[in-house]
Protein backbone atom coordinates (compact mmCIF):
# COMPACT_ATOMS: atom_id res chain seq x y z
CA UNK A 1 -15.67 112.55 -54.95
CA UNK A 2 -12.40 112.55 -55.24
CA UNK A 3 -11.47 112.05 -58.83
CA UNK A 4 -9.88 108.69 -60.29
CA UNK A 5 -11.30 106.84 -57.32
CA UNK A 6 -13.86 104.38 -57.76
CA UNK A 7 -14.45 100.94 -60.13
CA UNK A 8 -11.67 101.10 -63.09
CA UNK A 9 -13.42 102.33 -66.02
CA UNK A 10 -14.95 99.34 -68.14
CA UNK A 11 -13.09 98.49 -71.40
CA UNK A 12 -14.00 99.77 -74.89
CA UNK A 13 -16.80 97.84 -77.12
CA UNK A 14 -13.30 97.22 -79.48
CA UNK A 15 -11.23 96.20 -76.90
CA UNK A 16 -13.70 93.67 -75.82
CA UNK A 17 -14.01 92.43 -79.38
CA UNK A 18 -10.49 92.25 -79.93
CA UNK A 19 -10.63 89.90 -77.08
CA UNK A 20 -13.56 87.78 -78.90
CA UNK A 21 -11.63 87.54 -81.84
CA UNK A 22 -8.51 86.45 -80.03
CA UNK A 23 -10.05 83.92 -77.96
CA UNK A 24 -12.01 82.66 -81.06
CA UNK A 25 -8.58 82.30 -83.19
CA UNK A 26 -7.36 80.81 -80.02
CA UNK A 27 -10.57 78.14 -80.21
CA UNK A 28 -9.94 77.50 -83.60
CA UNK A 29 -6.47 76.67 -83.15
CA UNK A 30 -7.22 74.11 -80.69
CA UNK A 31 -9.93 72.31 -83.10
CA UNK A 32 -7.72 72.27 -86.12
CA UNK A 33 -4.65 70.93 -84.19
CA UNK A 34 -6.70 68.33 -81.80
CA UNK A 35 -8.15 67.25 -85.54
CA UNK A 36 -4.45 66.73 -87.01
CA UNK A 37 -2.82 65.35 -83.54
CA UNK A 38 -5.77 62.84 -83.76
CA UNK A 39 -4.93 61.88 -87.38
CA UNK A 40 -1.04 61.44 -86.03
CA UNK A 41 -2.14 59.23 -83.14
CA UNK A 42 -3.83 56.74 -85.57
CA UNK A 43 -1.77 57.12 -88.50
CA UNK A 44 -4.15 56.77 -91.09
CA UNK A 45 -3.57 58.45 -94.74
CA UNK A 46 -5.55 61.33 -95.37
CA UNK A 47 -6.30 61.23 -98.72
CA UNK A 48 -7.03 64.95 -100.47
CA UNK A 49 -10.61 64.27 -100.85
CA UNK A 50 -11.20 62.46 -97.76
CA UNK A 51 -10.35 65.21 -94.74
CA UNK A 52 -10.05 68.46 -94.75
CA UNK A 53 -9.49 69.88 -91.07
CA UNK A 54 -10.95 73.41 -91.95
CA UNK A 55 -14.09 72.20 -93.52
CA UNK A 56 -15.06 69.69 -90.53
CA UNK A 57 -13.79 72.65 -88.23
CA UNK A 58 -16.66 74.91 -90.31
CA UNK A 59 -19.43 72.40 -89.36
CA UNK A 60 -18.08 71.84 -86.06
CA UNK A 61 -17.90 75.26 -85.15
CA UNK A 62 -21.81 75.74 -83.90
CA UNK A 63 -21.66 73.38 -81.32
CA UNK A 64 -17.98 73.90 -80.45
CA UNK A 65 -19.52 78.11 -79.72
CA UNK A 66 -22.41 76.09 -77.62
CA UNK A 67 -19.61 73.92 -75.77
CA UNK A 68 -17.87 77.40 -74.81
CA UNK A 69 -20.83 79.31 -74.23
CA UNK A 70 -22.18 76.91 -71.63
CA UNK A 71 -19.03 77.03 -69.69
CA UNK A 72 -18.50 80.68 -69.99
CA UNK A 73 -22.12 81.01 -68.39
CA UNK A 74 -21.57 78.35 -65.74
CA UNK A 75 -18.26 80.21 -64.93
CA UNK A 76 -19.98 83.73 -64.92
CA UNK A 77 -22.34 82.62 -62.24
CA UNK A 78 -19.00 82.00 -59.95
CA UNK A 79 -16.93 83.70 -60.78
CA UNK A 80 -17.11 85.67 -57.07
CA UNK A 81 -16.51 82.52 -55.67
CA UNK A 82 -13.75 81.36 -53.67
CA UNK A 83 -13.01 78.20 -55.79
CA UNK A 84 -10.01 77.86 -57.15
CA UNK A 85 -9.94 78.80 -61.04
CA UNK A 86 -8.72 75.39 -62.54
CA UNK A 87 -11.36 73.56 -60.50
CA UNK A 88 -14.09 75.69 -61.10
CA UNK A 89 -13.47 75.93 -65.07
CA UNK A 90 -13.15 72.02 -64.62
CA UNK A 91 -16.29 71.99 -63.24
CA UNK A 92 -17.68 74.11 -65.72
CA UNK A 93 -16.76 71.43 -68.48
CA UNK A 94 -18.16 69.11 -66.71
CA UNK A 95 -21.62 71.02 -66.54
CA UNK A 96 -21.25 71.35 -69.69
CA UNK A 97 -20.96 67.61 -70.89
CA UNK A 98 -24.18 67.38 -72.88
CA UNK A 99 -22.73 70.22 -75.77
CA UNK A 100 -19.58 68.55 -75.49
CA UNK A 101 -21.00 64.86 -76.00
CA UNK A 102 -22.50 66.67 -79.41
CA UNK A 103 -19.39 68.32 -80.52
CA UNK A 104 -17.93 64.15 -79.52
CA UNK A 105 -20.85 62.64 -82.13
CA UNK A 106 -20.55 65.22 -84.39
CA UNK A 107 -16.51 64.32 -84.76
CA UNK A 108 -17.40 60.88 -84.24
CA UNK A 109 -19.57 61.08 -87.84
CA UNK A 110 -16.64 62.52 -89.71
CA UNK A 111 -13.80 61.36 -88.07
CA UNK A 112 -13.53 58.29 -86.44
CA UNK A 113 -14.21 57.29 -82.35
CA UNK A 114 -11.06 56.90 -82.38
CA UNK A 115 -9.94 60.25 -83.89
CA UNK A 116 -12.61 61.86 -82.10
CA UNK A 117 -12.06 61.27 -79.02
CA UNK A 118 -8.16 62.10 -78.68
CA UNK A 119 -9.63 65.25 -80.40
CA UNK A 120 -12.47 65.74 -77.55
CA UNK A 121 -9.66 65.52 -75.37
CA UNK A 122 -7.05 68.27 -76.44
CA UNK A 123 -9.47 70.62 -77.11
CA UNK A 124 -11.00 69.77 -73.07
CA UNK A 125 -7.70 69.99 -71.98
CA UNK A 126 -6.60 73.44 -73.60
CA UNK A 127 -10.23 75.11 -73.03
CA UNK A 128 -9.98 73.81 -69.56
CA UNK A 129 -6.52 76.36 -69.38
CA UNK A 130 -7.74 78.87 -70.90
CA UNK A 131 -10.88 79.14 -69.12
CA UNK A 132 -8.64 78.74 -65.65
CA UNK A 133 -6.76 81.40 -67.20
CA UNK A 134 -9.47 83.57 -67.95
CA UNK A 135 -10.78 83.20 -64.69
CA UNK A 136 -7.93 84.42 -63.45
CA UNK A 137 -7.32 87.16 -65.34
CA UNK A 138 -11.08 88.41 -64.59
CA UNK A 139 -10.59 87.65 -60.63
CA UNK A 140 -7.83 90.29 -60.93
CA UNK A 141 -10.08 93.08 -62.46
CA UNK A 142 -12.44 93.33 -59.79
């Protein structure tokens, strides 16, 4: 066997952990940005005791994580397909409408329907872009 031939080494646990943390921070930033953008769109003043984006994120995080896990699972099973990354990401998010719906209902209960729709729209767009980029990266590794 020729040394150096074959499959490249798998990334270490530490590098995978760093990638996970980086991804989590991007998702956190997306949710907080979406909530704040929604407040700007509807132009309602936010009282300090009425609205705390980080508190809302903390409560929403498990639902958001389930949405992400669903999309990732869908993509993982189809990563080797010839479907373009943008289409695959979009289909994965459509496949996970149930988890998205739970997150949407949570946001509606906390920030109202209009704001929730704006937040979900921002998150969906960001998640689709990030998921397509991840698909492209994973495909180039193989």
